[in-house]
Amino acid sequence: MINRVSKEGVTGMTEYVTKEAFEKFKAEDFAQVRQDLTVLTVKVDTLTTEVAALPTTSDVKVLIHEAFKEARGTAISLGVMIAVITGTIIAVLSFVLSVYVGGGFR
């Protein structure tokens, strides 16, 4: 017994069909559903694989910690370089002014 569904809804007519006709009906009506289900299953499997490949919170924390450590080292190196350059400039200016003002090398 099959209730046919049309755009207007269930027709209300009940027809008796053979098993072969019912199998054909299932094959035709559910072929797209089976195909969509297969595609959806593949997408879910792919998504599961992609999610499993994402870094965990602890991985991200380690990466952030390492980045801050590297940035701190770079900042310290930069500070030392600036101090050395500033000291050199002050020493040169001091020498030039002492020679110019003090009248050195006469």
PDB file of N, CA and C in Angstrom:
ATOM      1  N   MET A   1       0.841  -1.160   0.000  1.00  0.00           N
ATOM      2  CA  MET A   1       0.000   0.000   0.000  1.00  0.00           C
ATOM      3  C   MET A   1       0.897   1.237   0.000  1.00  0.00           C
ATOM      4  N   ILE A   2       0.681   2.150  -0.924  1.00  0.00           N
ATOM      5  CA  ILE A   2       1.493   3.360  -1.033  1.00  0.00           C
ATOM      6  C   ILE A   2       0.569   4.557  -1.133  1.00  0.00           C
ATOM      7  N   ASN A   3       0.821   5.552  -0.337  1.00  0.00           N
ATOM      8  CA  ASN A   3       0.135   6.829  -0.494  1.00  0.00           C
ATOM      9  C   ASN A   3       1.059   7.705  -1.319  1.00  0.00           C
ATOM     10  N   ARG A   4       0.610   8.067  -2.491  1.00  0.00           N
ATOM     11  CA  ARG A   4       1.426   8.915  -3.358  1.00  0.00           C
ATOM     12  C   ARG A   4       1.378  10.351  -2.846  1.00  0.00           C
ATOM     13  N   VAL A   5       2.527  11.010  -2.881  1.00  0.00           N
ATOM     14  CA  VAL A   5       2.593  12.404  -2.453  1.00  0.00           C
ATOM     15  C   VAL A   5       2.818  13.249  -3.696  1.00  0.00           C
ATOM     16  N   SER A   6       1.949  14.214  -3.891  1.00  0.00           N
ATOM     17  CA  SER A   6       2.097  15.134  -5.016  1.00  0.00           C
ATOM     18  C   SER A   6       2.305  16.534  -4.447  1.00  0.00           C
ATOM     19  N   LYS A   7       2.353  17.528  -5.327  1.00  0.00           N
ATOM     20  CA  LYS A   7       2.528  18.903  -4.864  1.00  0.00           C
ATOM     21  C   LYS A   7       1.356  19.351  -3.997  1.00  0.00           C
ATOM     22  N   GLU A   8       0.218  18.773  -4.224  1.00  0.00           N
ATOM     23  CA  GLU A   8      -0.964  19.133  -3.437  1.00  0.00           C
ATOM     24  C   GLU A   8      -0.977  18.415  -2.096  1.00  0.00           C
ATOM     25  N   GLY A   9      -0.119  17.442  -1.917  1.00  0.00           N
ATOM     26  CA  GLY A   9      -0.086  16.690  -0.668  1.00  0.00           C
ATOM     27  C   GLY A   9      -0.394  15.229  -0.933  1.00  0.00           C
ATOM     28  N   VAL A  10      -0.677  14.497   0.103  1.00  0.00           N
ATOM     29  CA  VAL A  10      -1.000  13.080  -0.034  1.00  0.00           C
ATOM     30  C   VAL A  10      -2.331  12.973  -0.758  1.00  0.00           C
ATOM     31  N   THR A  11      -2.364  12.123  -1.773  1.00  0.00           N
ATOM     32  CA  THR A  11      -3.570  12.028  -2.603  1.00  0.00           C
ATOM     33  C   THR A  11      -4.717  11.340  -1.884  1.00  0.00           C
ATOM     34  N   GLY A  12      -4.390  10.546  -0.906  1.00  0.00           N
ATOM     35  CA  GLY A  12      -5.456   9.850  -0.205  1.00  0.00           C
ATOM     36  C   GLY A  12      -5.857   8.563  -0.893  1.00  0.00           C
ATOM     37  N   MET A  13      -5.400   8.369  -2.119  1.00  0.00           N
ATOM     38  CA  MET A  13      -5.725   7.127  -2.812  1.00  0.00           C
ATOM     39  C   MET A  13      -4.770   6.049  -2.347  1.00  0.00           C
ATOM     40  N   THR A  14      -5.280   4.927  -2.122  1.00  0.00           N
ATOM     41  CA  THR A  14      -4.453   3.807  -1.725  1.00  0.00           C
ATOM     42  C   THR A  14      -4.419   2.836  -2.879  1.00  0.00           C
ATOM     43  N   GLU A  15      -3.195   2.535  -3.330  1.00  0.00           N
ATOM     44  CA  GLU A  15      -3.073   1.560  -4.398  1.00  0.00           C
ATOM     45  C   GLU A  15      -2.310   0.371  -3.860  1.00  0.00           C
ATOM     46  N   TYR A  16      -2.633  -0.756  -4.351  1.00  0.00           N
ATOM     47  CA  TYR A  16      -1.901  -1.964  -3.995  1.00  0.00           C
ATOM     48  C   TYR A  16      -0.912  -2.227  -5.110  1.00  0.00           C
ATOM     49  N   VAL A  17       0.342  -2.423  -4.727  1.00  0.00           N
ATOM     50  CA  VAL A  17       1.372  -2.621  -5.727  1.00  0.00           C
ATOM     51  C   VAL A  17       2.130  -3.897  -5.423  1.00  0.00           C
ATOM     52  N   THR A  18       2.839  -4.337  -6.441  1.00  0.00           N
ATOM     53  CA  THR A  18       3.669  -5.527  -6.256  1.00  0.00           C
ATOM     54  C   THR A  18       4.963  -5.126  -5.561  1.00  0.00           C
ATOM     55  N   LYS A  19       5.671  -6.127  -5.093  1.00  0.00           N
ATOM     56  CA  LYS A  19       6.946  -5.867  -4.422  1.00  0.00           C
ATOM     57  C   LYS A  19       7.926  -5.218  -5.396  1.00  0.00           C
ATOM     58  N   GLU A  20       7.936  -5.682  -6.651  1.00  0.00           N
ATOM     59  CA  GLU A  20       8.834  -5.110  -7.649  1.00  0.00           C
ATOM     60  C   GLU A  20       8.530  -3.631  -7.877  1.00  0.00           C
ATOM     61  N   ALA A  21       7.246  -3.291  -7.960  1.00  0.00           N
ATOM     62  CA  ALA A  21       6.859  -1.893  -8.162  1.00  0.00           C
ATOM     63  C   ALA A  21       7.268  -1.050  -6.958  1.00  0.00           C
ATOM     64  N   PHE A  22       7.132  -1.621  -5.763  1.00  0.00           N
ATOM     65  CA  PHE A  22       7.530  -0.900  -4.557  1.00  0.00           C
ATOM     66  C   PHE A  22       9.042  -0.683  -4.528  1.00  0.00           C
ATOM     67  N   GLU A  23       9.806  -1.712  -4.911  1.00  0.00           N
ATOM     68  CA  GLU A  23      11.267  -1.579  -4.947  1.00  0.00           C
ATOM     69  C   GLU A  23      11.680  -0.513  -5.968  1.00  0.00           C
ATOM     70  N   LYS A  24      10.993  -0.497  -7.126  1.00  0.00           N
ATOM     71  CA  LYS A  24      11.276   0.513  -8.141  1.00  0.00           C
ATOM     72  C   LYS A  24      10.944   1.910  -7.603  1.00  0.00           C
ATOM     73  N   PHE A  25       9.820   2.002  -6.914  1.00  0.00           N
ATOM     74  CA  PHE A  25       9.406   3.268  -6.299  1.00  0.00           C
ATOM     75  C   PHE A  25      10.473   3.750  -5.306  1.00  0.00           C
ATOM     76  N   LYS A  26      10.961   2.840  -4.462  1.00  0.00           N
ATOM     77  CA  LYS A  26      11.997   3.194  -3.485  1.00  0.00           C
ATOM     78  C   LYS A  26      13.275   3.635  -4.194  1.00  0.00           C
ATOM     79  N   ALA A  27      13.655   2.884  -5.226  1.00  0.00           N
ATOM     80  CA  ALA A  27      14.894   3.198  -5.942  1.00  0.00           C
ATOM     81  C   ALA A  27      14.821   4.577  -6.582  1.00  0.00           C
ATOM     82  N   GLU A  28      13.677   4.912  -7.166  1.00  0.00           N
ATOM     83  CA  GLU A  28      13.536   6.202  -7.840  1.00  0.00           C
ATOM     84  C   GLU A  28      13.407   7.349  -6.838  1.00  0.00           C
ATOM     85  N   ASP A  29      12.550   7.179  -5.846  1.00  0.00           N
ATOM     86  CA  ASP A  29      12.267   8.270  -4.914  1.00  0.00           C
ATOM     87  C   ASP A  29      13.393   8.517  -3.916  1.00  0.00           C
ATOM     88  N   PHE A  30      14.136   7.485  -3.586  1.00  0.00           N
ATOM     89  CA  PHE A  30      15.156   7.653  -2.560  1.00  0.00           C
ATOM     90  C   PHE A  30      16.582   7.697  -3.115  1.00  0.00           C
ATOM     91  N   ALA A  31      16.727   7.655  -4.436  1.00  0.00           N
ATOM     92  CA  ALA A  31      18.070   7.697  -5.028  1.00  0.00           C
ATOM     93  C   ALA A  31      18.775   9.005  -4.670  1.00  0.00           C
ATOM     94  N   GLN A  32      18.071  10.125  -4.807  1.00  0.00           N
ATOM     95  CA  GLN A  32      18.666  11.428  -4.488  1.00  0.00           C
ATOM     96  C   GLN A  32      18.965  11.534  -2.994  1.00  0.00           C
ATOM     97  N   VAL A  33      18.079  10.988  -2.180  1.00  0.00           N
ATOM     98  CA  VAL A  33      18.303  11.019  -0.730  1.00  0.00           C
ATOM     99  C   VAL A  33      19.552  10.226  -0.377  1.00  0.00           C
ATOM    100  N   ARG A  34      19.706   9.056  -0.995  1.00  0.00           N
ATOM    101  CA  ARG A  34      20.899   8.242  -0.747  1.00  0.00           C
ATOM    102  C   ARG A  34      22.157   8.975  -1.193  1.00  0.00           C
ATOM    103  N   GLN A  35      22.086   9.629  -2.352  1.00  0.00           N
ATOM    104  CA  GLN A  35      23.241  10.370  -2.861  1.00  0.00           C
ATOM    105  C   GLN A  35      23.583  11.529  -1.921  1.00  0.00           C
ATOM    106  N   ASP A  36      22.559  12.270  -1.499  1.00  0.00           N
ATOM    107  CA  ASP A  36      22.792  13.378  -0.570  1.00  0.00           C
ATOM    108  C   ASP A  36      23.365  12.879   0.749  1.00  0.00           C
ATOM    109  N   LEU A  37      22.876  11.751   1.213  1.00  0.00           N
ATOM    110  CA  LEU A  37      23.369  11.182   2.462  1.00  0.00           C
ATOM    111  C   LEU A  37      24.832  10.765   2.324  1.00  0.00           C
ATOM    112  N   THR A  38      25.183  10.201   1.174  1.00  0.00           N
ATOM    113  CA  THR A  38      26.575   9.815   0.930  1.00  0.00           C
ATOM    114  C   THR A  38      27.474  11.044   0.923  1.00  0.00           C
ATOM    115  N   VAL A  39      27.041  12.101   0.231  1.00  0.00           N
ATOM    116  CA  VAL A  39      27.819  13.342   0.179  1.00  0.00           C
ATOM    117  C   VAL A  39      27.957  13.927   1.580  1.00  0.00           C
ATOM    118  N   LEU A  40      26.863  13.918   2.334  1.00  0.00           N
ATOM    119  CA  LEU A  40      26.888  14.448   3.695  1.00  0.00           C
ATOM    120  C   LEU A  40      27.822  13.638   4.583  1.00  0.00           C
ATOM    121  N   THR A  41      27.810  12.331   4.428  1.00  0.00           N
ATOM    122  CA  THR A  41      28.699  11.473   5.213  1.00  0.00           C
ATOM    123  C   THR A  41      30.156  11.785   4.903  1.00  0.00           C
ATOM    124  N   VAL A  42      30.468  11.971   3.621  1.00  0.00           N
ATOM    125  CA  VAL A  42      31.837  12.313   3.229  1.00  0.00           C
ATOM    126  C   VAL A  42      32.228  13.664   3.823  1.00  0.00           C
ATOM    127  N   LYS A  43      31.303  14.633   3.778  1.00  0.00           N
ATOM    128  CA  LYS A  43      31.598  15.956   4.332  1.00  0.00           C
ATOM    129  C   LYS A  43      31.834  15.876   5.836  1.00  0.00           C
ATOM    130  N   VAL A  44      31.028  15.089   6.537  1.00  0.00           N
ATOM    131  CA  VAL A  44      31.201  14.935   7.984  1.00  0.00           C
ATOM    132  C   VAL A  44      32.534  14.264   8.283  1.00  0.00           C
ATOM    133  N   ASP A  45      32.893  13.244   7.512  1.00  0.00           N
ATOM    134  CA  ASP A  45      34.182  12.574   7.714  1.00  0.00           C
ATOM    135  C   ASP A  45      35.338  13.547   7.480  1.00  0.00           C
ATOM    136  N   THR A  46      35.228  14.347   6.418  1.00  0.00           N
ATOM    137  CA  THR A  46      36.268  15.333   6.116  1.00  0.00           C
ATOM    138  C   THR A  46      36.363  16.364   7.230  1.00  0.00           C
ATOM    139  N   LEU A  47      35.212  16.835   7.699  1.00  0.00           N
ATOM    140  CA  LEU A  47      35.186  17.819   8.775  1.00  0.00           C
ATOM    141  C   LEU A  47      35.786  17.242  10.049  1.00  0.00           C
ATOM    142  N   THR A  48      35.483  15.988  10.340  1.00  0.00           N
ATOM    143  CA  THR A  48      36.044  15.340  11.525  1.00  0.00           C
ATOM    144  C   THR A  48      37.560  15.299  11.437  1.00  0.00           C
ATOM    145  N   THR A  49      38.077  14.970  10.262  1.00  0.00           N
ATOM    146  CA  THR A  49      39.527  14.935  10.062  1.00  0.00           C
ATOM    147  C   THR A  49      40.130  16.323  10.236  1.00  0.00           C
ATOM    148  N   GLU A  50      39.480  17.338   9.668  1.00  0.00           N
ATOM    149  CA  GLU A  50      39.987  18.709   9.765  1.00  0.00           C
ATOM    150  C   GLU A  50      39.967  19.200  11.211  1.00  0.00           C
ATOM    151  N   VAL A  51      38.905  18.895  11.936  1.00  0.00           N
ATOM    152  CA  VAL A  51      38.811  19.318  13.336  1.00  0.00           C
ATOM    153  C   VAL A  51      39.886  18.629  14.167  1.00  0.00           C
ATOM    154  N   ALA A  52      40.135  17.366  13.884  1.00  0.00           N
ATOM    155  CA  ALA A  52      41.168  16.635  14.625  1.00  0.00           C
ATOM    156  C   ALA A  52      42.549  17.234  14.372  1.00  0.00           C
ATOM    157  N   ALA A  53      42.740  17.838  13.196  1.00  0.00           N
ATOM    158  CA  ALA A  53      44.044  18.414  12.853  1.00  0.00           C
ATOM    159  C   ALA A  53      44.257  19.800  13.459  1.00  0.00           C
ATOM    160  N   LEU A  54      43.198  20.414  13.996  1.00  0.00           N
ATOM    161  CA  LEU A  54      43.343  21.742  14.591  1.00  0.00           C
ATOM    162  C   LEU A  54      44.206  21.675  15.846  1.00  0.00           C
ATOM    163  N   PRO A  55      44.981  22.735  16.109  1.00  0.00           N
ATOM    164  CA  PRO A  55      45.816  22.718  17.315  1.00  0.00           C
ATOM    165  C   PRO A  55      44.955  22.805  18.576  1.00  0.00           C
ATOM    166  N   THR A  56      45.442  22.175  19.627  1.00  0.00           N
ATOM    167  CA  THR A  56      44.714  22.216  20.897  1.00  0.00           C
ATOM    168  C   THR A  56      45.056  23.510  21.629  1.00  0.00           C
ATOM    169  N   THR A  57      44.335  23.775  22.696  1.00  0.00           N
ATOM    170  CA  THR A  57      44.569  24.984  23.480  1.00  0.00           C
ATOM    171  C   THR A  57      45.989  25.013  24.026  1.00  0.00           C
ATOM    172  N   SER A  58      46.478  23.872  24.472  1.00  0.00           N
ATOM    173  CA  SER A  58      47.840  23.835  25.019  1.00  0.00           C
ATOM    174  C   SER A  58      48.874  24.126  23.932  1.00  0.00           C
ATOM    175  N   ASP A  59      48.622  23.651  22.704  1.00  0.00           N
ATOM    176  CA  ASP A  59      49.536  23.962  21.591  1.00  0.00           C
ATOM    177  C   ASP A  59      49.585  25.467  21.345  1.00  0.00           C
ATOM    178  N   VAL A  60      48.422  26.101  21.359  1.00  0.00           N
ATOM    179  CA  VAL A  60      48.346  27.539  21.114  1.00  0.00           C
ATOM    180  C   VAL A  60      49.044  28.299  22.242  1.00  0.00           C
ATOM    181  N   LYS A  61      48.843  27.847  23.491  1.00  0.00           N
ATOM    182  CA  LYS A  61      49.509  28.506  24.624  1.00  0.00           C
ATOM    183  C   LYS A  61      51.026  28.426  24.487  1.00  0.00           C
ATOM    184  N   VAL A  62      51.527  27.281  24.073  1.00  0.00           N
ATOM    185  CA  VAL A  62      52.974  27.120  23.895  1.00  0.00           C
ATOM    186  C   VAL A  62      53.477  28.054  22.799  1.00  0.00           C
ATOM    187  N   LEU A  63      52.746  28.136  21.690  1.00  0.00           N
ATOM    188  CA  LEU A  63      53.153  29.023  20.596  1.00  0.00           C
ATOM    189  C   LEU A  63      53.172  30.482  21.040  1.00  0.00           C
ATOM    190  N   ILE A  64      52.151  30.893  21.791  1.00  0.00           N
ATOM    191  CA  ILE A  64      52.091  32.277  22.274  1.00  0.00           C
ATOM    192  C   ILE A  64      53.243  32.546  23.238  1.00  0.00           C
ATOM    193  N   HIS A  65      53.506  31.597  24.136  1.00  0.00           N
ATOM    194  CA  HIS A  65      54.597  31.758  25.097  1.00  0.00           C
ATOM    195  C   HIS A  65      55.941  31.898  24.374  1.00  0.00           C
ATOM    196  N   GLU A  66      56.161  31.065  23.366  1.00  0.00           N
ATOM    197  CA  GLU A  66      57.412  31.138  22.604  1.00  0.00           C
ATOM    198  C   GLU A  66      57.525  32.460  21.850  1.00  0.00           C
ATOM    199  N   ALA A  67      56.409  32.945  21.308  1.00  0.00           N
ATOM    200  CA  ALA A  67      56.427  34.219  20.581  1.00  0.00           C
ATOM    201  C   ALA A  67      56.769  35.369  21.526  1.00  0.00           C
ATOM    202  N   PHE A  68      56.181  35.361  22.741  1.00  0.00           N
ATOM    203  CA  PHE A  68      56.490  36.412  23.711  1.00  0.00           C
ATOM    204  C   PHE A  68      57.943  36.342  24.158  1.00  0.00           C
ATOM    205  N   LYS A  69      58.450  35.116  24.329  1.00  0.00           N
ATOM    206  CA  LYS A  69      59.841  34.945  24.727  1.00  0.00           C
ATOM    207  C   LYS A  69      60.776  35.529  23.657  1.00  0.00           C
ATOM    208  N   GLU A  70      60.467  35.225  22.408  1.00  0.00           N
ATOM    209  CA  GLU A  70      61.283  35.732  21.303  1.00  0.00           C
ATOM    210  C   GLU A  70      61.183  37.250  21.206  1.00  0.00           C
ATOM    211  N   ALA A  71      59.974  37.782  21.379  1.00  0.00           N
ATOM    212  CA  ALA A  71      59.781  39.233  21.310  1.00  0.00           C
ATOM    213  C   ALA A  71      60.529  39.931  22.446  1.00  0.00           C
ATOM    214  N   ARG A  72      60.520  39.340  23.638  1.00  0.00           N
ATOM    215  CA  ARG A  72      61.238  39.913  24.773  1.00  0.00           C
ATOM    216  C   ARG A  72      62.743  39.941  24.480  1.00  0.00           C
ATOM    217  N   GLY A  73      63.269  38.846  23.936  1.00  0.00           N
ATOM    218  CA  GLY A  73      64.691  38.794  23.582  1.00  0.00           C
ATOM    219  C   GLY A  73      65.049  39.838  22.549  1.00  0.00           C
ATOM    220  N   THR A  74      64.184  40.011  21.558  1.00  0.00           N
ATOM    221  CA  THR A  74      64.415  41.015  20.519  1.00  0.00           C
ATOM    222  C   THR A  74      64.389  42.418  21.115  1.00  0.00           C
ATOM    223  N   ALA A  75      63.444  42.678  22.016  1.00  0.00           N
ATOM    224  CA  ALA A  75      63.340  44.000  22.644  1.00  0.00           C
ATOM    225  C   ALA A  75      64.581  44.300  23.476  1.00  0.00           C
ATOM    226  N   ILE A  76      65.080  43.306  24.202  1.00  0.00           N
ATOM    227  CA  ILE A  76      66.291  43.506  25.009  1.00  0.00           C
ATOM    228  C   ILE A  76      67.483  43.788  24.099  1.00  0.00           C
ATOM    229  N   SER A  77      67.623  43.025  23.032  1.00  0.00           N
ATOM    230  CA  SER A  77      68.726  43.242  22.084  1.00  0.00           C
ATOM    231  C   SER A  77      68.649  44.630  21.474  1.00  0.00           C
ATOM    232  N   LEU A  78      67.443  45.041  21.115  1.00  0.00           N
ATOM    233  CA  LEU A  78      67.243  46.363  20.533  1.00  0.00           C
ATOM    234  C   LEU A  78      67.606  47.445  21.545  1.00  0.00           C
ATOM    235  N   GLY A  79      67.218  47.256  22.794  1.00  0.00           N
ATOM    236  CA  GLY A  79      67.541  48.221  23.852  1.00  0.00           C
ATOM    237  C   GLY A  79      69.038  48.352  24.046  1.00  0.00           C
ATOM    238  N   VAL A  80      69.747  47.232  24.033  1.00  0.00           N
ATOM    239  CA  VAL A  80      71.203  47.256  24.190  1.00  0.00           C
ATOM    240  C   VAL A  80      71.849  47.978  23.013  1.00  0.00           C
ATOM    241  N   MET A  81      71.373  47.689  21.797  1.00  0.00           N
ATOM    242  CA  MET A  81      71.931  48.359  20.611  1.00  0.00           C
ATOM    243  C   MET A  81      71.710  49.862  20.683  1.00  0.00           C
ATOM    244  N   ILE A  82      70.525  50.279  21.082  1.00  0.00           N
ATOM    245  CA  ILE A  82      70.223  51.716  21.182  1.00  0.00           C
ATOM    246  C   ILE A  82      71.125  52.366  22.231  1.00  0.00           C
ATOM    247  N   ALA A  83      71.325  51.681  23.359  1.00  0.00           N
ATOM    248  CA  ALA A  83      72.186  52.228  24.418  1.00  0.00           C
ATOM    249  C   ALA A  83      73.627  52.371  23.932  1.00  0.00           C
ATOM    250  N   VAL A  84      74.133  51.373  23.220  1.00  0.00           N
ATOM    251  CA  VAL A  84      75.508  51.431  22.710  1.00  0.00           C
ATOM    252  C   VAL A  84      75.660  52.556  21.697  1.00  0.00           C
ATOM    253  N   ILE A  85      74.714  52.677  20.779  1.00  0.00           N
ATOM    254  CA  ILE A  85      74.779  53.733  19.760  1.00  0.00           C
ATOM    255  C   ILE A  85      74.693  55.106  20.424  1.00  0.00           C
ATOM    256  N   THR A  86      73.769  55.256  21.382  1.00  0.00           N
ATOM    257  CA  THR A  86      73.627  56.536  22.083  1.00  0.00           C
ATOM    258  C   THR A  86      74.912  56.875  22.838  1.00  0.00           C
ATOM    259  N   GLY A  87      75.489  55.889  23.519  1.00  0.00           N
ATOM    260  CA  GLY A  87      76.752  56.110  24.241  1.00  0.00           C
ATOM    261  C   GLY A  87      77.873  56.522  23.312  1.00  0.00           C
ATOM    262  N   THR A  88      77.936  55.889  22.150  1.00  0.00           N
ATOM    263  CA  THR A  88      78.972  56.228  21.168  1.00  0.00           C
ATOM    264  C   THR A  88      78.794  57.655  20.676  1.00  0.00           C
ATOM    265  N   ILE A  89      77.567  58.039  20.378  1.00  0.00           N
ATOM    266  CA  ILE A  89      77.293  59.401  19.897  1.00  0.00           C
ATOM    267  C   ILE A  89      77.673  60.417  20.975  1.00  0.00           C
ATOM    268  N   ILE A  90      77.306  60.133  22.217  1.00  0.00           N
ATOM    269  CA  ILE A  90      77.639  61.047  23.315  1.00  0.00           C
ATOM    270  C   ILE A  90      79.158  61.157  23.480  1.00  0.00           C
ATOM    271  N   ALA A  91      79.858  60.027  23.382  1.00  0.00           N
ATOM    272  CA  ALA A  91      81.319  60.044  23.517  1.00  0.00           C
ATOM    273  C   ALA A  91      81.963  60.858  22.405  1.00  0.00           C
ATOM    274  N   VAL A  92      81.500  60.697  21.168  1.00  0.00           N
ATOM    275  CA  VAL A  92      82.052  61.451  20.034  1.00  0.00           C
ATOM    276  C   VAL A  92      81.776  62.936  20.213  1.00  0.00           C
ATOM    277  N   LEU A  93      80.537  63.289  20.566  1.00  0.00           N
ATOM    278  CA  LEU A  93      80.191  64.698  20.767  1.00  0.00           C
ATOM    279  C   LEU A  93      81.001  65.298  21.915  1.00  0.00           C
ATOM    280  N   SER A  94      81.155  64.541  22.970  1.00  0.00           N
ATOM    281  CA  SER A  94      81.931  65.006  24.115  1.00  0.00           C
ATOM    282  C   SER A  94      83.373  65.278  23.710  1.00  0.00           C
ATOM    283  N   PHE A  95      83.944  64.376  22.937  1.00  0.00           N
ATOM    284  CA  PHE A  95      85.326  64.548  22.478  1.00  0.00           C
ATOM    285  C   PHE A  95      85.448  65.778  21.582  1.00  0.00           C
ATOM    286  N   VAL A  96      84.513  65.911  20.620  1.00  0.00           N
ATOM    287  CA  VAL A  96      84.555  67.038  19.686  1.00  0.00           C
ATOM    288  C   VAL A  96      84.401  68.349  20.448  1.00  0.00           C
ATOM    289  N   LEU A  97      83.468  68.405  21.383  1.00  0.00           N
ATOM    290  CA  LEU A  97      83.255  69.638  22.142  1.00  0.00           C
ATOM    291  C   LEU A  97      84.449  69.950  23.046  1.00  0.00           C
ATOM    292  N   SER A  98      85.048  68.919  23.632  1.00  0.00           N
ATOM    293  CA  SER A  98      86.207  69.172  24.498  1.00  0.00           C
ATOM    294  C   SER A  98      87.374  69.710  23.686  1.00  0.00           C
ATOM    295  N   VAL A  99      87.538  69.221  22.467  1.00  0.00           N
ATOM    296  CA  VAL A  99      88.609  69.718  21.597  1.00  0.00           C
ATOM    297  C   VAL A  99      88.288  71.135  21.157  1.00  0.00           C
ATOM    298  N   TYR A 100      87.055  71.378  20.764  1.00  0.00           N
ATOM    299  CA  TYR A 100      86.651  72.684  20.241  1.00  0.00           C
ATOM    300  C   TYR A 100      86.627  73.732  21.348  1.00  0.00           C
ATOM    301  N   VAL A 101      85.968  73.423  22.465  1.00  0.00           N
ATOM    302  CA  VAL A 101      85.817  74.386  23.552  1.00  0.00           C
ATOM    303  C   VAL A 101      87.084  74.439  24.399  1.00  0.00           C
ATOM    304  N   GLY A 102      87.636  73.294  24.699  1.00  0.00           N
ATOM    305  CA  GLY A 102      88.800  73.243  25.571  1.00  0.00           C
ATOM    306  C   GLY A 102      90.087  73.633  24.868  1.00  0.00           C
ATOM    307  N   GLY A 103      90.043  73.712  23.586  1.00  0.00           N
ATOM    308  CA  GLY A 103      91.214  74.097  22.823  1.00  0.00           C
ATOM    309  C   GLY A 103      92.309  73.049  22.850  1.00  0.00           C
ATOM    310  N   GLY A 104      91.924  71.815  22.859  1.00  0.00           N
ATOM    311  CA  GLY A 104      92.888  70.728  22.896  1.00  0.00           C
ATOM    312  C   GLY A 104      93.669  70.611  21.600  1.00  0.00           C
ATOM    313  N   PHE A 105      94.738  69.838  21.623  1.00  0.00           N
ATOM    314  CA  PHE A 105      95.627  69.585  20.483  1.00  0.00           C
ATOM    315  C   PHE A 105      96.275  70.869  19.983  1.00  0.00           C
ATOM    316  N   ARG A 106      96.803  71.740  20.877  1.00  0.00           N
ATOM    317  CA  ARG A 106      97.467  72.979  20.436  1.00  0.00           C
ATOM    318  C   ARG A 106      98.893  72.759  20.214  1.00  0.00           C
TER     319      ARG A 106
END
